[in-house]
């Protein structure tokens, strides 16, 4: 199976599994609504165990909490009034509805999910949220977290709760997060990660995939992908208590995992809940008086590559700019400016540089501009001037 077909197969399995959860109102594997299995703990008990307050849970629309969390990214994000927050894999709207209250009437909370059944459930809950909170500041969009239906540099904070591990292309998820965040924006993710590789039998279990385990990657890989996407201040904090709790509660997925582990091993030897915080660099460093930051340097290099027609240069500096958190919108501005500069008459711009800086760059023997001589082009008509006999529109 080629990589594209494999990725689509994974997405389809996840979409089907979570579609069934949305329709049943339950969990991945059993009738009790808890994270990934039938356990004695109800959804609210699980949420309290990982840090949500009783007040937050009581304010939720009915059915929004389906027990699919493995951490509390809302608390990690430290959301402020007026901010725009994006939830990757928003499910029934659990974290979006909590975030909406934190950002208030001047802010906005956006959820993205690829499962139509989950999206329908979340949208149905908007009415109850508005009635209880008095706010009209949440929305839910259908889409994949690898290709977010969100504009460049439009989001202050991104949260995600036990979802990125489900993606077949996690590196692209991190790159697209960098794209949609504003300069200086931040990420707060709770996810499952591996402390060491899983035994092959567990990695191939469909239940373990839907249960957020089989798709998990090593903690070190998570850090690498975040940094490669251009994030800075990356902090990873393992929380092993979550996995031990799921095993203690006799969660069926974790019981099946235990059955496939080497004798004496336990799930938390391999799997951990992981808190990840990171930040997209600001275009101007807050602690520096210099405007020539690494991101700005890459924008300048992109412009230079366009000006000299260097395709390998453009490809290299495009990748580097992405790594430093530069959005495509910002790169497009640099390209447009370079194209405008490139269109300027060569000798005329060098003579102007000589005049301004004394650099002696121009060639005195070079012919003057055939239309305007040494005068600047001031064509307001839009007609081509040079090469047109008797043209006077651009020189006056």
Protein backbone atom coordinates (compact mmCIF):
# COMPACT_ATOMS: atom_id res chain seq x y z
CA UNK A 1 0.00 0.00 0.00
CA UNK A 2 1.46 3.38 -1.00
CA UNK A 3 1.79 6.12 1.67
CA UNK A 4 -1.20 8.12 0.38
CA UNK A 5 -3.50 5.08 0.41
CA UNK A 6 -2.26 4.15 3.88
CA UNK A 7 -2.96 7.65 5.19
CA UNK A 8 -6.47 7.61 3.74
CA UNK A 9 -7.06 4.18 5.26
CA UNK A 10 -6.08 5.49 8.70
CA UNK A 11 -8.34 8.54 8.32
CA UNK A 12 -11.24 6.36 7.27
CA UNK A 13 -10.84 4.08 10.29
CA UNK A 14 -10.68 7.07 12.62
CA UNK A 15 -13.62 8.77 10.92
CA UNK A 16 -15.75 5.63 11.19
CA UNK A 17 -14.78 4.98 14.80
CA UNK A 18 -15.51 8.50 15.99
CA UNK A 19 -18.65 8.70 13.88
CA UNK A 20 -19.98 5.73 15.83
CA UNK A 21 -19.01 7.38 19.12
CA UNK A 22 -20.88 10.57 18.15
CA UNK A 23 -24.01 8.66 17.20
CA UNK A 24 -24.02 6.44 20.28
CA UNK A 25 -23.08 9.21 22.68
CA UNK A 26 -20.66 6.73 24.20
CA UNK A 27 -17.01 5.90 23.84
CA UNK A 28 -14.61 4.07 21.59
CA UNK A 29 -15.27 0.63 22.94
CA UNK A 30 -18.08 0.42 25.43
CA UNK A 31 -21.40 1.78 26.66
CA UNK A 32 -19.93 3.96 29.41
CA UNK A 33 -18.81 7.35 28.03
CA UNK A 34 -15.15 7.43 29.01
CA UNK A 35 -11.97 7.84 27.07
CA UNK A 36 -11.57 4.81 24.85
CA UNK A 37 -13.48 2.19 26.78
CA UNK A 38 -16.16 0.99 29.16
CA UNK A 39 -14.99 1.80 32.70
CA UNK A 40 -16.55 2.51 36.10
CA UNK A 41 -15.61 6.19 35.75
CA UNK A 42 -18.10 8.47 34.01
CA UNK A 43 -17.01 11.23 31.65
CA UNK A 44 -17.18 13.94 34.33
CA UNK A 45 -15.10 11.83 36.71
CA UNK A 46 -12.43 11.42 34.05
CA UNK A 47 -12.49 15.16 33.25
CA UNK A 48 -12.10 16.07 36.93
CA UNK A 49 -9.24 13.59 37.21
CA UNK A 50 -7.31 15.45 34.48
CA UNK A 51 -7.96 18.95 35.82
CA UNK A 52 -11.33 20.31 34.68
CA UNK A 53 -13.34 22.07 37.38
CA UNK A 54 -16.85 21.12 38.45
CA UNK A 55 -18.01 24.60 37.41
CA UNK A 56 -16.63 24.20 33.87
CA UNK A 57 -18.29 20.81 33.48
CA UNK A 58 -21.64 21.97 34.86
CA UNK A 59 -21.78 24.82 32.36
CA UNK A 60 -21.38 22.54 29.32
CA UNK A 61 -24.27 21.67 26.99
CA UNK A 62 -25.59 18.16 27.56
CA UNK A 63 -23.55 15.51 25.77
CA UNK A 64 -20.60 17.77 24.93
CA UNK A 65 -18.31 15.82 27.26
CA UNK A 66 -17.91 12.35 25.78
CA UNK A 67 -14.89 11.42 27.87
CA UNK A 68 -12.41 11.64 25.00
CA UNK A 69 -9.79 13.76 26.79
CA UNK A 70 -6.31 12.88 28.01
CA UNK A 71 -5.43 16.30 29.45
CA UNK A 72 -6.59 19.88 29.91
CA UNK A 73 -5.22 22.08 27.07
CA UNK A 74 -7.57 24.92 28.05
CA UNK A 75 -5.68 25.33 31.32
CA UNK A 76 -2.31 25.04 29.54
CA UNK A 77 -3.22 27.74 27.01
CA UNK A 78 -4.01 30.39 29.66
CA UNK A 79 -6.57 31.96 27.32
CA UNK A 80 -7.29 35.67 27.62
CA UNK A 81 -10.41 37.73 26.82
CA UNK A 82 -10.55 38.82 23.19
CA UNK A 83 -8.33 36.05 21.80
CA UNK A 84 -9.10 33.76 18.88
CA UNK A 85 -8.56 30.10 19.85
CA UNK A 86 -8.63 27.07 17.55
CA UNK A 87 -9.34 23.51 18.73
CA UNK A 88 -7.97 20.69 16.53
CA UNK A 89 -10.30 17.69 16.52
CA UNK A 90 -13.06 19.42 18.46
CA UNK A 91 -15.44 16.46 18.64
CA UNK A 92 -18.70 17.32 20.37
CA UNK A 93 -17.38 20.77 21.31
CA UNK A 94 -16.14 20.00 24.85
CA UNK A 95 -13.04 22.21 24.85
CA UNK A 96 -14.48 24.80 22.45
CA UNK A 97 -17.40 25.58 24.77
CA UNK A 98 -15.03 25.93 27.73
CA UNK A 99 -12.66 28.11 25.69
CA UNK A 100 -15.53 30.31 24.50
CA UNK A 101 -16.28 31.42 28.04
CA UNK A 102 -12.59 32.19 28.65
CA UNK A 103 -12.14 34.42 25.57
CA UNK A 104 -15.46 36.19 26.15
CA UNK A 105 -17.66 38.24 23.80
CA UNK A 106 -14.70 39.94 22.07
CA UNK A 107 -12.99 36.61 21.39
CA UNK A 108 -13.81 33.59 19.28
CA UNK A 109 -13.45 29.82 19.71
CA UNK A 110 -13.28 27.73 16.52
CA UNK A 111 -13.46 23.95 16.38
CA UNK A 112 -12.28 21.83 13.42
CA UNK A 113 -13.22 18.16 13.03
CA UNK A 114 -13.20 15.78 10.06
CA UNK A 115 -16.10 13.64 11.30
CA UNK A 116 -19.50 14.91 10.08
CA UNK A 117 -21.33 13.19 12.95
CA UNK A 118 -19.16 14.94 15.52
CA UNK A 119 -19.62 18.27 13.76
CA UNK A 120 -23.39 17.83 13.75
CA UNK A 121 -23.36 17.04 17.47
CA UNK A 122 -21.24 20.11 18.27
CA UNK A 123 -23.33 22.46 16.14
CA UNK A 124 -26.50 21.16 17.75
CA UNK A 125 -25.05 22.14 21.14
CA UNK A 126 -24.40 25.76 20.12
CA UNK A 127 -27.96 26.81 20.98
CA UNK A 128 -27.67 25.50 24.53
CA UNK A 129 -24.25 27.15 24.89
CA UNK A 130 -25.66 30.52 23.82
CA UNK A 131 -28.60 30.23 26.23
CA UNK A 132 -26.39 29.29 29.19
CA UNK A 133 -23.50 31.66 28.54
CA UNK A 134 -25.14 34.59 26.78
CA UNK A 135 -22.29 34.40 24.24
CA UNK A 136 -22.33 34.02 20.48
CA UNK A 137 -18.64 33.35 19.89
CA UNK A 138 -18.17 29.70 18.89
CA UNK A 139 -18.23 27.93 15.53
CA UNK A 140 -17.38 24.50 14.13
CA UNK A 141 -15.81 23.80 10.74
CA UNK A 142 -15.49 20.53 8.81
CA UNK A 143 -11.90 19.80 7.85
CA UNK A 144 -8.74 17.82 8.41
CA UNK A 145 -6.21 19.01 10.94
CA UNK A 146 -3.42 18.54 8.38
CA UNK A 147 -5.08 21.17 6.14
CA UNK A 148 -6.98 23.49 8.42
CA UNK A 149 -9.87 25.55 6.98
CA UNK A 150 -8.42 28.64 8.67
CA UNK A 151 -6.67 31.72 7.25
CA UNK A 152 -2.95 32.36 7.62
CA UNK A 153 -1.83 34.17 10.79
CA UNK A 154 -5.36 34.52 12.16
CA UNK A 155 -5.27 32.61 15.47
CA UNK A 156 -3.82 33.58 18.87
CA UNK A 157 -3.80 30.11 20.42
CA UNK A 158 -4.27 26.49 19.32
CA UNK A 159 -5.47 23.74 21.64
CA UNK A 160 -5.96 20.04 20.99
CA UNK A 161 -6.99 17.18 23.26
CA UNK A 162 -5.89 13.63 22.41
CA UNK A 163 -6.24 14.10 18.64
CA UNK A 164 -2.90 14.73 16.91
CA UNK A 165 -1.86 11.13 17.62
CA UNK A 166 -4.69 10.04 15.30
CA UNK A 167 -3.23 11.87 12.28
CA UNK A 168 -1.28 9.86 9.69
CA UNK A 169 0.83 12.97 8.92
CA UNK A 170 1.67 14.62 12.23
CA UNK A 171 4.51 16.71 10.80
CA UNK A 172 2.04 18.38 8.45
CA UNK A 173 -0.28 19.08 11.40
CA UNK A 174 2.52 20.99 13.13
CA UNK A 175 3.36 22.89 9.93
CA UNK A 176 -0.25 23.92 9.42
CA UNK A 177 -0.51 25.04 13.04
CA UNK A 178 2.46 27.33 12.39
CA UNK A 179 0.71 28.66 9.28
CA UNK A 180 -2.54 29.70 10.98
CA UNK A 181 -1.01 31.13 14.16
CA UNK A 182 -0.26 34.82 14.39
CA UNK A 183 3.40 35.73 15.02
CA UNK A 184 3.92 35.14 18.73
CA UNK A 185 0.91 32.81 18.90
CA UNK A 186 1.03 29.69 21.06
CA UNK A 187 0.15 26.00 21.11
CA UNK A 188 -1.18 24.03 24.08
CA UNK A 189 -1.71 20.34 23.32
CA UNK A 190 -2.59 17.31 25.41
CA UNK A 191 -1.88 14.07 23.59
CA UNK A 192 -0.72 10.50 24.01
CA UNK A 193 2.91 9.75 23.18
CA UNK A 194 5.30 6.83 23.43
CA UNK A 195 8.20 6.49 25.83
CA UNK A 196 9.43 3.57 23.69
CA UNK A 197 8.07 1.75 20.63
CA UNK A 198 4.98 -0.41 21.10
CA UNK A 199 5.12 -4.16 20.46
CA UNK A 200 4.00 -4.81 16.83
CA UNK A 201 0.82 -6.64 17.88
CA UNK A 202 -0.43 -3.53 19.72
CA UNK A 203 0.61 -1.12 16.97
CA UNK A 204 -1.61 -3.04 14.53
CA UNK A 205 -4.74 -3.10 16.73
CA UNK A 206 -7.60 -1.02 15.29
CA UNK A 207 -8.99 -0.54 18.81
CA UNK A 208 -5.66 0.88 19.90
CA UNK A 209 -5.69 3.29 16.96
CA UNK A 210 -9.16 4.63 17.77
CA UNK A 211 -8.20 4.58 21.44
CA UNK A 212 -5.38 7.07 20.72
CA UNK A 213 -2.56 4.58 21.34
CA UNK A 214 -1.45 2.89 18.12
CA UNK A 215 -1.01 6.20 16.29
CA UNK A 216 1.12 7.77 19.01
CA UNK A 217 4.76 8.59 18.30
CA UNK A 218 7.79 8.91 20.54
CA UNK A 219 8.03 11.96 22.78
CA UNK A 220 11.29 12.88 21.03
CA UNK A 221 9.57 12.75 17.62
CA UNK A 222 6.88 15.13 18.85
CA UNK A 223 9.52 17.64 19.91
CA UNK A 224 11.38 17.29 16.62
CA UNK A 225 8.24 17.89 14.53
CA UNK A 226 7.32 20.97 16.56
CA UNK A 227 10.80 22.47 16.16
CA UNK A 228 11.01 21.57 12.46
CA UNK A 229 7.75 23.47 11.93
CA UNK A 230 9.44 26.57 13.35
CA UNK A 231 8.13 26.57 16.92
CA UNK A 232 10.25 27.85 19.79
CA UNK A 233 10.01 27.50 23.57
CA UNK A 234 8.88 23.90 23.10
CA UNK A 235 8.15 22.26 26.47
CA UNK A 236 7.04 18.63 26.82
CA UNK A 237 5.70 17.34 30.13
CA UNK A 238 4.83 13.63 30.45
CA UNK A 239 1.85 12.80 32.70
CA UNK A 240 1.98 9.07 33.39
CA UNK A 241 -0.85 9.15 35.93
CA UNK A 242 -3.48 9.28 33.18
CA UNK A 243 -2.39 5.98 31.62
CA UNK A 244 -2.08 4.27 35.02
CA UNK A 245 -5.58 5.46 35.82
CA UNK A 246 -7.02 4.02 32.61
CA UNK A 247 -5.41 0.67 33.39
CA UNK A 248 -6.62 0.76 37.02
CA UNK A 249 -10.16 1.52 35.84
CA UNK A 250 -10.13 -1.69 33.77
CA UNK A 251 -10.56 0.21 30.53
CA UNK A 252 -11.11 -2.50 27.85
CA UNK A 253 -8.62 -1.03 25.36
CA UNK A 254 -5.93 -0.87 28.01
CA UNK A 255 -6.81 -4.36 29.22
CA UNK A 256 -6.33 -5.64 25.67
CA UNK A 257 -3.01 -3.77 25.44
CA UNK A 258 -1.86 -5.34 28.72
CA UNK A 259 -2.62 -8.78 27.30
CA UNK A 260 -0.15 -8.13 24.46
CA UNK A 261 2.64 -6.67 26.61
CA UNK A 262 5.69 -8.63 27.73
CA UNK A 263 5.27 -10.30 31.16
CA UNK A 264 5.56 -7.79 34.01
CA UNK A 265 5.20 -4.74 31.75
CA UNK A 266 2.43 -2.18 32.12
CA UNK A 267 0.96 0.35 29.66
CA UNK A 268 2.64 3.34 31.32
CA UNK A 269 6.03 1.76 30.56
CA UNK A 270 5.26 2.53 26.91
CA UNK A 271 2.55 5.22 26.82
CA UNK A 272 2.20 8.58 28.50
CA UNK A 273 -0.15 11.51 28.40
CA UNK A 274 1.95 14.41 27.15
CA UNK A 275 1.46 18.14 27.60
CA UNK A 276 3.09 20.19 24.84
CA UNK A 277 3.41 23.96 24.85
CA UNK A 278 5.18 25.95 22.15
CA UNK A 279 5.21 29.37 20.53
CA UNK A 280 5.47 30.71 17.00
CA UNK A 281 8.26 33.29 16.81
CA UNK A 282 7.25 36.92 16.61
CA UNK A 283 8.58 38.78 13.57
CA UNK A 284 10.39 41.14 15.93
CA UNK A 285 11.92 39.60 19.01
CA UNK A 286 10.49 41.14 22.16
CA UNK A 287 13.90 41.21 23.84
CA UNK A 288 15.79 42.74 20.94
CA UNK A 289 16.03 46.20 19.39
CA UNK A 290 17.05 44.68 16.04
CA UNK A 291 14.41 44.33 13.34
CA UNK A 292 16.60 41.87 11.43
CA UNK A 293 15.30 38.69 13.05
CA UNK A 294 15.82 35.21 11.52
CA UNK A 295 12.29 35.36 10.10
CA UNK A 296 12.93 38.74 8.47
CA UNK A 297 16.24 37.47 7.08
CA UNK A 298 14.41 34.64 5.33
CA UNK A 299 11.86 37.08 3.88
CA UNK A 300 14.72 39.17 2.51
CA UNK A 301 16.35 36.02 1.08
CA UNK A 302 13.09 35.01 -0.60
CA UNK A 303 12.91 38.42 -2.25
CA UNK A 304 16.52 38.15 -3.38
CA UNK A 305 15.92 34.67 -4.83
CA UNK A 306 13.03 36.01 -6.91
CA UNK A 307 15.07 39.00 -8.06
CA UNK A 308 17.94 36.81 -9.35
CA UNK A 309 15.76 33.96 -10.70
CA UNK A 310 17.32 31.37 -8.38
CA UNK A 311 14.83 28.50 -8.04
CA UNK A 312 16.95 26.37 -5.61
CA UNK A 313 17.46 29.47 -3.46
CA UNK A 314 13.73 30.16 -3.36
CA UNK A 315 12.91 26.57 -2.38
CA UNK A 316 15.53 26.58 0.38
CA UNK A 317 14.53 29.90 1.89
CA UNK A 318 10.80 29.02 1.61
CA UNK A 319 11.47 25.97 3.83
CA UNK A 320 13.59 28.00 6.22
CA UNK A 321 10.94 30.70 6.46
CA UNK A 322 8.34 28.05 7.33
CA UNK A 323 10.67 26.74 10.02
CA UNK A 324 10.82 30.23 11.54
CA UNK A 325 7.03 30.51 11.54
CA UNK A 326 6.63 32.87 8.56
CA UNK A 327 3.17 32.58 6.98
CA UNK A 328 2.55 32.20 3.26
CA UNK A 329 0.85 35.60 3.28
CA UNK A 330 4.04 37.22 4.58
CA UNK A 331 6.14 35.34 2.03
CA UNK A 332 3.81 36.44 -0.77
CA UNK A 333 4.33 40.08 0.26
CA UNK A 334 8.10 39.62 0.01
CA UNK A 335 7.75 38.03 -3.44
CA UNK A 336 5.53 40.86 -4.71
CA UNK A 337 7.94 43.49 -3.46
CA UNK A 338 10.87 41.67 -5.09
CA UNK A 339 8.99 41.48 -8.38
CA UNK A 340 8.35 45.23 -8.28
CA UNK A 341 12.00 45.95 -7.56
CA UNK A 342 13.07 43.52 -10.28
CA UNK A 343 11.02 45.42 -12.86
CA UNK A 344 12.92 48.68 -12.18
CA UNK A 345 15.41 49.70 -14.91
CA UNK A 346 18.74 48.22 -13.90
CA UNK A 347 21.08 51.14 -14.52
CA UNK A 348 18.58 53.70 -13.26
CA UNK A 349 18.36 52.00 -9.86
CA UNK A 350 22.15 51.74 -9.67
CA UNK A 351 22.54 55.43 -10.45
CA UNK A 352 20.03 56.24 -7.73
CA UNK A 353 22.00 54.03 -5.34
CA UNK A 354 25.19 55.91 -6.31
CA UNK A 355 23.52 59.22 -5.65
CA UNK A 356 22.18 58.15 -2.27
CA UNK A 357 25.17 56.19 -0.97
CA UNK A 358 28.19 57.18 -3.05
CA UNK A 359 28.75 53.52 -3.87
CA UNK A 360 29.88 54.06 -7.53
CA UNK A 361 27.93 51.04 -8.75
CA UNK A 362 26.58 52.33 -12.07
CA UNK A 363 28.38 52.14 -15.40
CA UNK A 364 28.95 55.68 -16.76
CA UNK A 365 29.19 54.26 -20.28
CA UNK A 366 25.81 52.58 -20.06
CA UNK A 367 23.10 54.12 -22.17
CA UNK A 368 20.50 56.22 -20.43
CA UNK A 369 16.95 54.98 -20.23
CA UNK A 370 15.82 55.23 -23.90
CA UNK A 371 12.68 57.09 -22.91
CA UNK A 372 13.43 59.10 -19.82
CA UNK A 373 17.18 59.46 -19.62
CA UNK A 374 18.12 60.01 -16.02
CA UNK A 375 14.60 60.94 -14.96
CA UNK A 376 12.57 58.62 -12.80
CA UNK A 377 9.66 56.81 -14.48
CA UNK A 378 6.46 58.50 -13.48
CA UNK A 379 4.09 56.96 -16.01
CA UNK A 380 0.57 57.37 -14.72
CA UNK A 381 -1.12 56.18 -17.88
CA UNK A 382 0.03 52.58 -17.58
CA UNK A 383 1.39 52.66 -21.19
CA UNK A 384 4.77 51.18 -21.97
CA UNK A 385 7.19 54.02 -22.48
CA UNK A 386 10.57 52.60 -23.38
CA UNK A 387 10.95 51.51 -26.95
CA UNK A 388 8.10 53.74 -28.13
CA UNK A 389 9.17 56.50 -30.51
CA UNK A 390 8.18 59.91 -29.24
CA UNK A 391 6.55 58.64 -26.09
CA UNK A 392 6.24 61.34 -23.48
CA UNK A 393 3.65 59.96 -21.07
CA UNK A 394 6.08 58.73 -18.42
CA UNK A 395 8.57 61.61 -18.44
CA UNK A 396 6.56 64.70 -18.94
